[in-house]
Amino acid sequence: MSSLVPIRFQAFELDLMAQAQGRVAILIPTDGKMNPAARRANRLTRGAVARLVESNRFAKVKTGDVISLAWPGGMEAEALDILVLPRRPEPDEARKGGAALAKLAGGKDLLVMAGNQVRTEELALGIALRRYDFDAHKTTDDDAKGAVSICHAKPDDAKAAFAPLYAVADGVRMTRDLTNEPANILTTSEFANRLKEMEELGLKVEVLEEDKLAELGMRTLLSVGQGSDSPSKVVVMQWNGGDADDAPLALVGKGVVFDTGGISIKPAAGMEDMTMDMGGAGVVAGTMRALAKRKAKANVVGLVGLVENMPSGSATRPGDVVKSMKGDTVEIINTDAEGRLVLCDVMWYAQERFNPVGMIDLATLTGAIIIGLGHENAGVFSNNDTFCDAFLKAARAEDEGAWRMPLGQAYDDLLKSRIADMKNVGGRPAGSITAAQFLQRFVKEETPWIHLDIAGVASVAAETSYAPKGATGWGVRALSRFVQDNFE
């Protein structure tokens, strides 16, 4: 497991700039007006900052740009980074500015001269998110990680404002770690063990084993994992920070720790990426961690179905018919459409046991959503406009791309089966929508529900504003904000 970079807030002292190691960052708005830190840097570098601000290059800068002066004269630092940022930036501008500084710093020390900058806590969040590095399986003699210090005019206030954001960043870190972890390490049992460890944060964590799942009637979930030697599990995490009588919000995650496709086996090329098919469960886990660490005043239950989809003599076959916990029968046309079989039982269990005020499921469910939305937005499906709009608002506030997709009877009709209540796929057209329609059949009429198809955003091949390539942790920030804005 990785760890978050420690971020220290300290008093604003200009004298620190000359002897600071690694990189030093100052903030200058697009109009070029220099604050005290910029003026001190200008004196130390014998006018280099002023010459830059007065140059044609600076005339073309935009908010969020960083211009670096390597080995600046008069300073011991390797570089002086000039972040172009208004004194009162928008939250996403501050976050992206911090992320840009963290990317340049790499593993070096970073001193940020923030002064009386507004939204320094958001800038620090950007640093924490982008400083992430998953190196658990690399052999190296250099384990040193550079320190991050932020000099602020009111360091105690800035530290207090950052504390809940740092808790959310730790939830993002956990999600990234889980999603990046190879499947021979993150087995269903290891996944459950890591979730059980969060009891030390105040979460109540239960692990339901296969005998209990069979007793409950979770046959569709069990059908996915029956070809694997790894036992299928459901983990229930409860955070009770609200009033005792308040029904919880339910978060449900798909946790397929490795997906070969089963008997409907995937092509070999790219199958190694299927270690991330537990990304939905990873987001639920990270969100529950964030809520617990920031002591959210809300009741939230997170449930994840942990399975491995493997081909073997005991694996589910195309053409098999399986009865769900709800009682509906499903004809398995394609064993590679397994995530919905995991989710439908866990979603029904969540409603039967907790009668939640609303339910959100997350899954790396379909390649079709990537064709439709690429890697910029998660697909959002919902049966309730008010519930959905509140989530989309939270996602926009946290700069996490999300786009609402349609549902309708014509799509649902594509799931009709000749021999069972439904098929598990509806064909190639509108594949992400028919998958959502399948899940909606397991949502009670009175339950506000959102399905998030995160196949395109959970793990990406190119770096993003907030993360290196690989797992992004998408969704933890949006869900934490959604809980904060609507249930606390």
Protein backbone atom coordinates (compact mmCIF):
# COMPACT_ATOMS: atom_id res chain seq x y z
CA MET A 1 0.00 0.00 0.00
CA SER A 2 1.14 3.51 -0.75
CA SER A 3 0.91 6.45 1.63
CA LEU A 4 -0.12 10.06 1.19
CA VAL A 5 2.63 12.64 1.06
CA PRO A 6 2.68 14.53 4.38
CA ILE A 7 1.81 18.20 3.85
CA ARG A 8 3.00 20.64 6.48
CA PHE A 9 1.57 24.13 6.96
CA GLN A 10 3.91 26.66 8.51
CA ALA A 11 4.20 30.37 9.13
CA PHE A 12 4.92 32.56 6.13
CA GLU A 13 8.63 33.36 6.33
CA LEU A 14 10.35 34.85 3.29
CA ASP A 15 13.79 33.94 4.62
CA LEU A 16 13.06 30.24 3.97
CA MET A 17 13.24 30.71 0.22
CA ALA A 18 16.98 31.17 -0.16
CA GLN A 19 18.04 27.95 1.59
CA ALA A 20 15.12 25.69 0.58
CA GLN A 21 16.10 22.48 -1.19
CA GLY A 22 14.28 20.81 -4.07
CA ARG A 23 11.77 23.21 -5.63
CA VAL A 24 10.27 26.50 -4.48
CA ALA A 25 6.93 27.70 -5.84
CA ILE A 26 5.54 31.22 -5.91
CA LEU A 27 2.11 32.34 -7.13
CA ILE A 28 1.55 35.19 -9.60
CA PRO A 29 -1.78 36.15 -11.22
CA THR A 30 -2.15 36.66 -14.97
CA ASP A 31 -1.81 40.43 -14.59
CA GLY A 32 1.75 39.90 -13.34
CA LYS A 33 1.26 41.71 -10.02
CA MET A 34 3.91 40.39 -7.64
CA ASN A 35 3.15 39.52 -4.02
CA PRO A 36 5.80 39.58 -1.25
CA ALA A 37 7.09 36.08 -2.08
CA ALA A 38 7.42 36.96 -5.76
CA ARG A 39 9.24 40.17 -4.91
CA ARG A 40 11.67 38.29 -2.62
CA ALA A 41 12.26 35.69 -5.34
CA ASN A 42 12.90 38.52 -7.78
CA ARG A 43 15.55 40.02 -5.50
CA LEU A 44 17.20 36.65 -4.91
CA THR A 45 17.35 35.95 -8.65
CA ARG A 46 18.56 39.49 -9.46
CA GLY A 47 15.48 40.52 -11.37
CA ALA A 48 14.81 37.27 -13.24
CA VAL A 49 11.18 37.07 -12.09
CA ALA A 50 10.46 40.64 -13.19
CA ARG A 51 12.05 40.04 -16.58
CA LEU A 52 9.85 36.96 -17.02
CA VAL A 53 6.68 38.80 -15.99
CA GLU A 54 7.47 41.60 -18.44
CA SER A 55 8.27 39.22 -21.31
CA ASN A 56 6.11 38.21 -24.26
CA ARG A 57 6.02 34.68 -22.87
CA PHE A 58 4.18 35.77 -19.74
CA ALA A 59 1.73 37.79 -21.83
CA LYS A 60 0.48 34.47 -23.26
CA VAL A 61 0.08 32.56 -20.00
CA LYS A 62 -3.25 31.31 -18.66
CA THR A 63 -4.41 30.28 -15.22
CA GLY A 64 -2.78 27.04 -14.11
CA ASP A 65 0.38 27.40 -16.19
CA VAL A 66 3.69 26.85 -14.44
CA ILE A 67 6.92 28.44 -15.66
CA SER A 68 10.10 27.02 -14.15
CA LEU A 69 13.44 28.75 -13.72
CA ALA A 70 16.07 26.01 -13.35
CA TRP A 71 18.90 26.45 -10.84
CA PRO A 72 17.93 30.04 -10.01
CA GLY A 73 20.79 32.27 -8.95
CA GLY A 74 20.71 33.34 -5.30
CA MET A 75 18.76 30.22 -4.26
CA GLU A 76 19.82 26.70 -3.30
CA ALA A 77 16.71 25.15 -4.87
CA GLU A 78 16.90 23.17 -8.11
CA ALA A 79 14.07 25.23 -9.57
CA LEU A 80 11.81 28.18 -8.93
CA ASP A 81 8.31 27.33 -10.13
CA ILE A 82 6.01 30.24 -10.96
CA LEU A 83 2.37 29.14 -10.82
CA VAL A 84 -0.04 31.45 -12.61
CA LEU A 85 -3.02 31.65 -10.26
CA PRO A 86 -5.49 34.38 -9.24
CA ARG A 87 -5.49 35.33 -5.61
CA ARG A 88 -9.13 34.16 -5.45
CA PRO A 89 -9.20 31.17 -7.79
CA GLU A 90 -12.06 28.78 -8.42
CA PRO A 91 -11.64 25.51 -6.47
CA ASP A 92 -10.73 23.49 -9.56
CA GLU A 93 -8.19 26.13 -10.62
CA ALA A 94 -6.47 25.90 -7.23
CA ARG A 95 -6.54 22.08 -7.27
CA LYS A 96 -5.12 21.86 -10.78
CA GLY A 97 -2.45 24.40 -9.89
CA GLY A 98 -1.36 22.30 -6.94
CA ALA A 99 -1.37 19.18 -9.10
CA ALA A 100 0.84 20.90 -11.68
CA LEU A 101 3.37 21.79 -8.99
CA ALA A 102 3.34 18.23 -7.64
CA LYS A 103 3.93 16.76 -11.09
CA LEU A 104 7.00 18.93 -11.60
CA ALA A 105 8.33 18.21 -8.12
CA GLY A 106 8.18 14.44 -8.50
CA GLY A 107 9.84 13.05 -5.39
CA LYS A 108 11.73 16.26 -4.56
CA ASP A 109 11.08 18.61 -1.65
CA LEU A 110 8.51 21.29 -2.45
CA LEU A 111 8.12 24.62 -0.66
CA VAL A 112 5.02 26.61 -1.66
CA MET A 113 4.99 30.28 -0.68
CA ALA A 114 1.23 30.72 -0.43
CA GLY A 115 1.10 33.85 1.75
CA ASN A 116 -2.54 34.95 2.08
CA GLN A 117 -3.64 32.99 -1.00
CA VAL A 118 -7.34 32.07 -0.97
CA ARG A 119 -8.26 28.35 -1.28
CA THR A 120 -4.81 27.14 -0.31
CA GLU A 121 -6.49 24.00 1.02
CA GLU A 122 -7.66 23.17 -2.52
CA LEU A 123 -4.15 23.78 -3.86
CA ALA A 124 -2.84 21.38 -1.21
CA LEU A 125 -5.44 18.80 -2.24
CA GLY A 126 -4.15 18.98 -5.80
CA ILE A 127 -0.63 18.34 -4.52
CA ALA A 128 -1.75 15.36 -2.43
CA LEU A 129 -3.68 13.81 -5.33
CA ARG A 130 -0.97 14.23 -7.96
CA ARG A 131 1.94 13.23 -5.72
CA TYR A 132 0.60 9.65 -5.72
CA ASP A 133 2.88 6.86 -6.92
CA PHE A 134 2.12 3.14 -6.88
CA ASP A 135 5.55 1.56 -6.45
CA ALA A 136 4.75 -1.28 -4.03
CA HIS A 137 6.18 -3.90 -6.38
CA LYS A 138 9.27 -2.04 -7.58
CA THR A 139 12.66 -2.93 -6.10
CA THR A 140 14.61 0.23 -5.39
CA ASP A 141 17.19 1.38 -2.89
CA ASP A 142 15.75 4.90 -2.80
CA ASP A 143 12.59 4.99 -0.73
CA ALA A 144 12.97 8.65 0.22
CA LYS A 145 9.99 10.86 -0.51
CA GLY A 146 10.33 14.60 -0.66
CA ALA A 147 8.54 16.76 1.89
CA VAL A 148 5.85 19.32 1.05
CA SER A 149 5.69 22.54 3.05
CA ILE A 150 3.18 25.32 2.51
CA CYS A 151 3.98 28.73 3.98
CA HIS A 152 0.75 30.56 4.77
CA ALA A 153 -0.11 33.79 6.56
CA LYS A 154 -2.58 31.85 8.74
CA PRO A 155 -1.16 28.32 8.83
CA ASP A 156 -3.48 26.97 11.52
CA ASP A 157 -6.57 28.09 9.61
CA ALA A 158 -5.23 26.62 6.37
CA LYS A 159 -4.40 23.34 8.10
CA ALA A 160 -7.90 23.10 9.59
CA ALA A 161 -9.52 23.78 6.21
CA PHE A 162 -7.34 21.13 4.58
CA ALA A 163 -7.99 18.36 7.14
CA PRO A 164 -11.29 17.04 5.65
CA LEU A 165 -9.85 17.29 2.14
CA TYR A 166 -6.81 15.29 3.20
CA ALA A 167 -9.18 12.61 4.50
CA VAL A 168 -10.85 12.46 1.09
CA ALA A 169 -7.43 12.32 -0.59
CA ASP A 170 -6.64 9.27 1.55
CA GLY A 171 -9.82 7.65 0.30
CA VAL A 172 -8.70 8.35 -3.27
CA ARG A 173 -5.32 6.84 -2.45
CA MET A 174 -6.92 3.65 -1.18
CA THR A 175 -9.09 3.34 -4.28
CA ARG A 176 -6.06 3.80 -6.52
CA ASP A 177 -4.04 1.24 -4.59
CA LEU A 178 -6.80 -1.36 -4.79
CA THR A 179 -7.40 -0.73 -8.49
CA ASN A 180 -3.69 -0.82 -9.37
CA GLU A 181 -2.98 -3.97 -7.36
CA PRO A 182 -2.32 -7.14 -9.42
CA ALA A 183 -4.82 -9.97 -9.06
CA ASN A 184 -2.34 -12.45 -7.58
CA ILE A 185 -1.97 -10.02 -4.65
CA LEU A 186 -5.50 -8.65 -4.40
CA THR A 187 -7.47 -11.88 -4.19
CA THR A 188 -11.02 -11.83 -2.91
CA SER A 189 -9.73 -12.79 0.54
CA GLU A 190 -7.03 -10.12 0.59
CA PHE A 191 -9.55 -7.51 -0.58
CA ALA A 192 -11.88 -8.46 2.25
CA ASN A 193 -9.02 -8.36 4.75
CA ARG A 194 -8.08 -4.81 3.71
CA LEU A 195 -11.65 -3.69 4.17
CA LYS A 196 -11.88 -5.41 7.54
CA GLU A 197 -8.85 -3.38 8.68
CA MET A 198 -10.93 -0.20 8.35
CA GLU A 199 -12.77 -1.13 11.54
CA GLU A 200 -9.99 0.80 13.27
CA LEU A 201 -11.45 3.97 11.70
CA GLY A 202 -14.86 3.34 13.29
CA LEU A 203 -16.51 1.48 10.44
CA LYS A 204 -18.53 -1.64 11.17
CA VAL A 205 -17.34 -4.27 8.68
CA GLU A 206 -18.94 -7.68 8.02
CA VAL A 207 -17.65 -10.31 5.60
CA LEU A 208 -20.33 -12.65 4.25
CA GLU A 209 -18.83 -15.95 3.10
CA GLU A 210 -20.14 -18.33 0.41
CA ASP A 211 -22.29 -20.40 2.77
CA LYS A 212 -24.09 -17.27 3.95
CA LEU A 213 -24.47 -16.01 0.37
CA ALA A 214 -26.01 -19.34 -0.64
CA GLU A 215 -28.37 -19.16 2.34
CA LEU A 216 -29.43 -15.66 1.27
CA GLY A 217 -30.04 -16.85 -2.28
CA MET A 218 -27.33 -14.82 -4.03
CA ARG A 219 -27.12 -17.34 -6.84
CA THR A 220 -26.29 -14.92 -9.65
CA LEU A 221 -23.30 -13.57 -7.72
CA LEU A 222 -22.13 -17.07 -6.84
CA SER A 223 -22.52 -18.19 -10.45
CA VAL A 224 -19.84 -15.69 -11.51
CA GLY A 225 -17.21 -16.97 -9.08
CA GLN A 226 -17.94 -20.70 -9.21
CA GLY A 227 -15.22 -21.34 -11.80
CA SER A 228 -12.52 -19.86 -9.56
CA ASP A 229 -10.59 -21.26 -6.61
CA SER A 230 -10.98 -17.87 -4.89
CA PRO A 231 -14.06 -17.80 -2.65
CA SER A 232 -16.78 -15.28 -3.47
CA LYS A 233 -17.60 -12.80 -0.72
CA VAL A 234 -19.77 -9.81 0.06
CA VAL A 235 -18.38 -7.18 2.41
CA VAL A 236 -20.71 -4.77 4.21
CA MET A 237 -19.24 -1.55 5.63
CA GLN A 238 -21.41 0.68 7.80
CA TRP A 239 -20.64 4.27 8.81
CA ASN A 240 -23.19 5.54 11.33
CA GLY A 241 -22.33 9.21 11.74
CA GLY A 242 -25.87 10.55 11.48
CA ASP A 243 -29.01 10.26 13.56
CA ALA A 244 -29.78 6.73 14.69
CA ASP A 245 -33.22 6.79 13.07
CA ASP A 246 -32.03 7.99 9.65
CA ALA A 247 -32.03 5.42 6.85
CA PRO A 248 -28.59 5.13 5.23
CA LEU A 249 -27.45 5.94 1.73
CA ALA A 250 -26.32 2.68 0.10
CA LEU A 251 -23.22 2.45 -2.12
CA VAL A 252 -22.80 -0.83 -4.01
CA GLY A 253 -19.63 -1.81 -5.88
CA LYS A 254 -18.66 -4.46 -8.41
CA GLY A 255 -15.54 -6.23 -7.17
CA VAL A 256 -14.40 -8.65 -9.88
CA VAL A 257 -10.76 -8.98 -8.86
CA PHE A 258 -9.89 -10.50 -12.23
CA ASP A 259 -12.10 -11.00 -15.25
CA THR A 260 -11.09 -13.51 -17.91
CA GLY A 261 -14.60 -13.40 -19.31
CA GLY A 262 -15.21 -16.92 -18.03
CA ILE A 263 -16.25 -19.44 -20.69
CA SER A 264 -16.93 -16.44 -23.00
CA ILE A 265 -13.22 -15.78 -22.69
CA LYS A 266 -11.72 -12.43 -23.60
CA PRO A 267 -8.96 -11.99 -26.22
CA ALA A 268 -5.47 -12.32 -24.72
CA ALA A 269 -4.39 -8.83 -25.82
CA GLY A 270 -5.15 -6.40 -23.03
CA MET A 271 -6.48 -8.99 -20.60
CA GLU A 272 -3.86 -7.87 -18.09
CA ASP A 273 -5.90 -4.69 -17.62
CA MET A 274 -8.71 -6.74 -16.10
CA THR A 275 -7.06 -6.41 -12.71
CA MET A 276 -9.03 -3.13 -12.58
CA ASP A 277 -12.44 -4.78 -12.96
CA MET A 278 -12.95 -4.37 -9.22
CA GLY A 279 -12.81 -0.57 -9.67
CA GLY A 280 -16.40 -0.02 -8.51
CA ALA A 281 -15.74 -1.84 -5.25
CA GLY A 282 -12.52 0.15 -4.95
CA VAL A 283 -14.44 3.44 -5.15
CA VAL A 284 -16.95 2.28 -2.54
CA ALA A 285 -14.10 1.26 -0.23
CA GLY A 286 -12.26 4.55 -0.71
CA THR A 287 -15.43 6.57 -0.16
CA MET A 288 -16.20 4.74 3.07
CA ARG A 289 -12.64 5.40 4.22
CA ALA A 290 -12.97 9.09 3.39
CA LEU A 291 -16.29 9.40 5.23
CA ALA A 292 -14.90 7.68 8.30
CA LYS A 293 -11.70 9.73 8.37
CA ARG A 294 -13.50 13.05 8.02
CA LYS A 295 -16.17 11.93 10.54
CA ALA A 296 -19.09 12.54 8.18
CA LYS A 297 -22.36 13.32 9.97
CA ALA A 298 -24.37 10.87 7.88
CA ASN A 299 -25.34 7.21 7.75
CA VAL A 300 -23.84 5.41 4.77
CA VAL A 301 -23.51 1.71 4.05
CA GLY A 302 -21.06 0.40 1.47
CA LEU A 303 -21.52 -3.11 0.04
CA VAL A 304 -19.14 -4.82 -2.37
CA GLY A 305 -19.42 -8.15 -4.15
CA LEU A 306 -15.99 -9.77 -4.46
CA VAL A 307 -15.57 -12.53 -7.05
CA GLU A 308 -13.12 -13.81 -9.65
CA ASN A 309 -14.43 -14.77 -13.12
CA MET A 310 -12.44 -17.76 -14.37
CA PRO A 311 -13.06 -20.58 -16.89
CA SER A 312 -12.96 -24.11 -15.50
CA GLY A 313 -14.94 -27.32 -15.39
CA SER A 314 -17.19 -25.78 -12.75
CA ALA A 315 -17.67 -22.41 -14.45
CA THR A 316 -21.05 -21.10 -15.51
CA ARG A 317 -21.81 -21.87 -19.17
CA PRO A 318 -23.53 -19.69 -21.79
CA GLY A 319 -27.13 -20.88 -21.85
CA ASP A 320 -27.33 -21.62 -18.12
CA VAL A 321 -30.31 -20.23 -16.21
CA VAL A 322 -29.75 -18.88 -12.69
CA LYS A 323 -32.26 -17.57 -10.15
CA SER A 324 -31.40 -14.27 -8.45
CA MET A 325 -31.89 -13.38 -4.78
CA LYS A 326 -34.93 -11.37 -5.87
CA GLY A 327 -36.37 -14.55 -7.40
CA ASP A 328 -36.17 -13.57 -11.09
CA THR A 329 -34.44 -16.01 -13.42
CA VAL A 330 -31.61 -14.98 -15.72
CA GLU A 331 -30.48 -16.72 -18.89
CA ILE A 332 -26.70 -16.33 -19.11
CA ILE A 333 -25.99 -15.55 -22.75
CA ASN A 334 -22.47 -14.20 -22.20
CA THR A 335 -20.40 -15.03 -19.13
CA ASP A 336 -18.32 -11.91 -19.78
CA ALA A 337 -21.35 -9.81 -18.82
CA GLU A 338 -20.76 -10.85 -15.24
CA GLY A 339 -20.66 -7.57 -13.34
CA ARG A 340 -24.41 -7.07 -13.51
CA LEU A 341 -24.89 -10.57 -12.08
CA VAL A 342 -22.77 -9.60 -9.09
CA LEU A 343 -24.46 -6.24 -8.60
CA CYS A 344 -28.07 -7.35 -8.90
CA ASP A 345 -27.90 -9.67 -5.88
CA VAL A 346 -25.98 -7.18 -3.74
CA MET A 347 -28.34 -4.34 -4.71
CA TRP A 348 -31.38 -6.44 -3.75
CA TYR A 349 -29.75 -7.43 -0.46
CA ALA A 350 -28.94 -3.76 0.30
CA GLN A 351 -32.57 -2.77 -0.16
CA GLU A 352 -34.00 -5.73 1.75
CA ARG A 353 -31.71 -5.27 4.74
CA PHE A 354 -31.19 -1.50 4.97
CA ASN A 355 -34.19 0.10 3.22
CA PRO A 356 -31.84 2.87 2.08
CA VAL A 357 -32.83 6.48 1.41
CA GLY A 358 -31.15 6.05 -1.96
CA MET A 359 -28.76 3.67 -3.71
CA ILE A 360 -25.77 4.23 -6.00
CA ASP A 361 -23.98 1.37 -7.70
CA LEU A 362 -20.58 1.67 -9.35
CA ALA A 363 -19.00 -0.71 -11.82
CA THR A 364 -16.48 -0.97 -14.60
CA LEU A 365 -19.42 -2.50 -16.40
CA THR A 366 -19.24 -2.06 -20.18
CA GLY A 367 -16.79 -1.31 -22.94
CA ALA A 368 -19.73 0.36 -24.68
CA ILE A 369 -19.61 3.32 -22.29
CA ILE A 370 -16.01 3.98 -23.39
CA ILE A 371 -17.15 4.05 -27.03
CA GLY A 372 -19.84 6.55 -26.10
CA LEU A 373 -18.03 8.80 -23.61
CA GLY A 374 -14.34 7.99 -23.91
CA HIS A 375 -12.22 8.46 -20.82
CA GLU A 376 -13.57 11.88 -19.85
CA ASN A 377 -16.91 10.99 -18.29
CA ALA A 378 -18.56 8.19 -16.38
CA GLY A 379 -21.97 7.12 -17.62
CA VAL A 380 -24.80 8.09 -15.25
CA PHE A 381 -28.16 6.31 -15.29
CA SER A 382 -30.99 7.04 -12.87
CA ASN A 383 -34.65 6.54 -12.07
CA ASN A 384 -34.92 9.81 -10.12
CA ASP A 385 -34.16 13.26 -11.54
CA THR A 386 -33.69 15.02 -8.20
CA PHE A 387 -31.33 12.35 -6.87
CA CYS A 388 -29.38 12.30 -10.12
CA ASP A 389 -29.11 16.08 -10.45
CA ALA A 390 -27.71 16.30 -6.92
CA PHE A 391 -24.99 13.81 -7.79
CA LEU A 392 -24.13 15.54 -11.07
CA LYS A 393 -23.81 18.83 -9.17
CA ALA A 394 -21.37 17.20 -6.73
CA ALA A 395 -19.36 15.68 -9.57
CA ARG A 396 -19.07 19.08 -11.28
CA ALA A 397 -17.94 20.71 -8.04
CA GLU A 398 -15.15 18.13 -7.73
CA ASP A 399 -14.21 18.29 -11.42
CA GLU A 400 -15.02 14.60 -11.97
CA GLY A 401 -16.61 14.05 -15.37
CA ALA A 402 -20.08 12.49 -15.38
CA TRP A 403 -22.73 12.44 -18.11
CA ARG A 404 -26.33 11.30 -17.82
CA MET A 405 -27.47 8.59 -20.23
CA PRO A 406 -31.03 7.53 -21.14
CA LEU A 407 -33.19 4.65 -19.97
CA GLY A 408 -36.43 3.43 -21.55
CA GLN A 409 -38.78 0.56 -22.23
CA ALA A 410 -37.48 -0.07 -25.75
CA TYR A 411 -34.04 -0.78 -24.31
CA ASP A 412 -35.51 -2.97 -21.59
CA ASP A 413 -37.36 -5.05 -24.18
CA LEU A 414 -34.00 -6.12 -25.63
CA LEU A 415 -33.46 -8.24 -22.49
CA LYS A 416 -36.41 -10.57 -23.16
CA SER A 417 -35.51 -14.26 -22.96
CA ARG A 418 -37.30 -17.23 -24.53
CA ILE A 419 -36.71 -19.50 -21.52
CA ALA A 420 -36.18 -17.20 -18.50
CA ASP A 421 -37.38 -13.91 -17.08
CA MET A 422 -34.53 -12.06 -18.77
CA LYS A 423 -31.20 -12.42 -20.57
CA ASN A 424 -28.04 -10.95 -19.08
CA VAL A 425 -27.24 -9.08 -22.32
CA GLY A 426 -29.30 -7.26 -24.93
CA GLY A 427 -26.95 -7.38 -27.90
CA ARG A 428 -24.35 -4.93 -29.17
CA PRO A 429 -26.58 -1.86 -29.73
CA ALA A 430 -26.79 0.41 -26.66
CA GLY A 431 -24.79 -2.08 -24.59
CA SER A 432 -24.23 0.25 -21.64
CA ILE A 433 -27.92 1.18 -21.56
CA THR A 434 -29.23 -2.39 -21.66
CA ALA A 435 -26.79 -3.21 -18.84
CA ALA A 436 -28.32 -0.38 -16.80
CA GLN A 437 -31.81 -1.62 -17.70
CA PHE A 438 -30.86 -5.05 -16.36
CA LEU A 439 -29.81 -3.50 -13.06
CA GLN A 440 -32.94 -1.36 -12.85
CA ARG A 441 -35.02 -4.55 -12.73
CA PHE A 442 -33.49 -5.09 -9.26
CA VAL A 443 -34.31 -1.61 -7.96
CA LYS A 444 -37.48 -1.25 -5.93
CA GLU A 445 -39.90 1.35 -7.23
CA GLU A 446 -39.57 3.50 -4.12
CA THR A 447 -35.74 3.52 -4.11
CA PRO A 448 -33.97 6.51 -5.73
CA TRP A 449 -31.13 4.93 -7.70
CA ILE A 450 -28.08 5.86 -9.74
CA HIS A 451 -25.93 3.48 -11.76
CA LEU A 452 -22.40 4.72 -12.52
CA ASP A 453 -20.59 2.94 -15.34
CA ILE A 454 -16.97 3.87 -14.65
CA ALA A 455 -15.27 1.61 -17.20
CA GLY A 456 -13.75 4.60 -18.98
CA VAL A 457 -12.61 6.60 -15.98
CA ALA A 458 -11.48 4.12 -13.30
CA SER A 459 -8.08 3.46 -14.89
CA VAL A 460 -6.55 5.25 -17.86
CA ALA A 461 -3.52 4.80 -20.09
CA ALA A 462 -2.50 8.48 -19.96
CA GLU A 463 -2.01 10.76 -16.99
CA THR A 464 -4.79 13.09 -15.93
CA SER A 465 -4.72 16.47 -14.21
CA TYR A 466 -4.82 14.79 -10.82
CA ALA A 467 -3.21 11.38 -11.30
CA PRO A 468 -0.40 9.57 -13.11
CA LYS A 469 -1.47 6.95 -15.61
CA GLY A 470 -3.22 3.95 -14.11
CA ALA A 471 -5.95 4.09 -11.47
CA THR A 472 -7.55 7.51 -11.03
CA GLY A 473 -9.69 7.07 -7.92
CA TRP A 474 -12.56 8.69 -9.84
CA GLY A 475 -15.73 8.99 -7.79
CA VAL A 476 -14.44 9.21 -4.23
CA ARG A 477 -14.40 13.01 -4.23
CA ALA A 478 -17.77 13.31 -5.98
CA LEU A 479 -19.46 10.82 -3.64
CA SER A 480 -17.98 12.41 -0.53
CA ARG A 481 -19.24 15.81 -1.72
CA PHE A 482 -22.64 14.29 -2.55
CA VAL A 483 -22.94 12.94 1.00
CA GLN A 484 -21.77 16.24 2.47
CA ASP A 485 -24.19 18.37 0.46
CA ASN A 486 -27.27 16.17 0.77
CA PHE A 487 -27.09 14.00 3.88
CA GLU A 488 -25.08 15.90 6.50
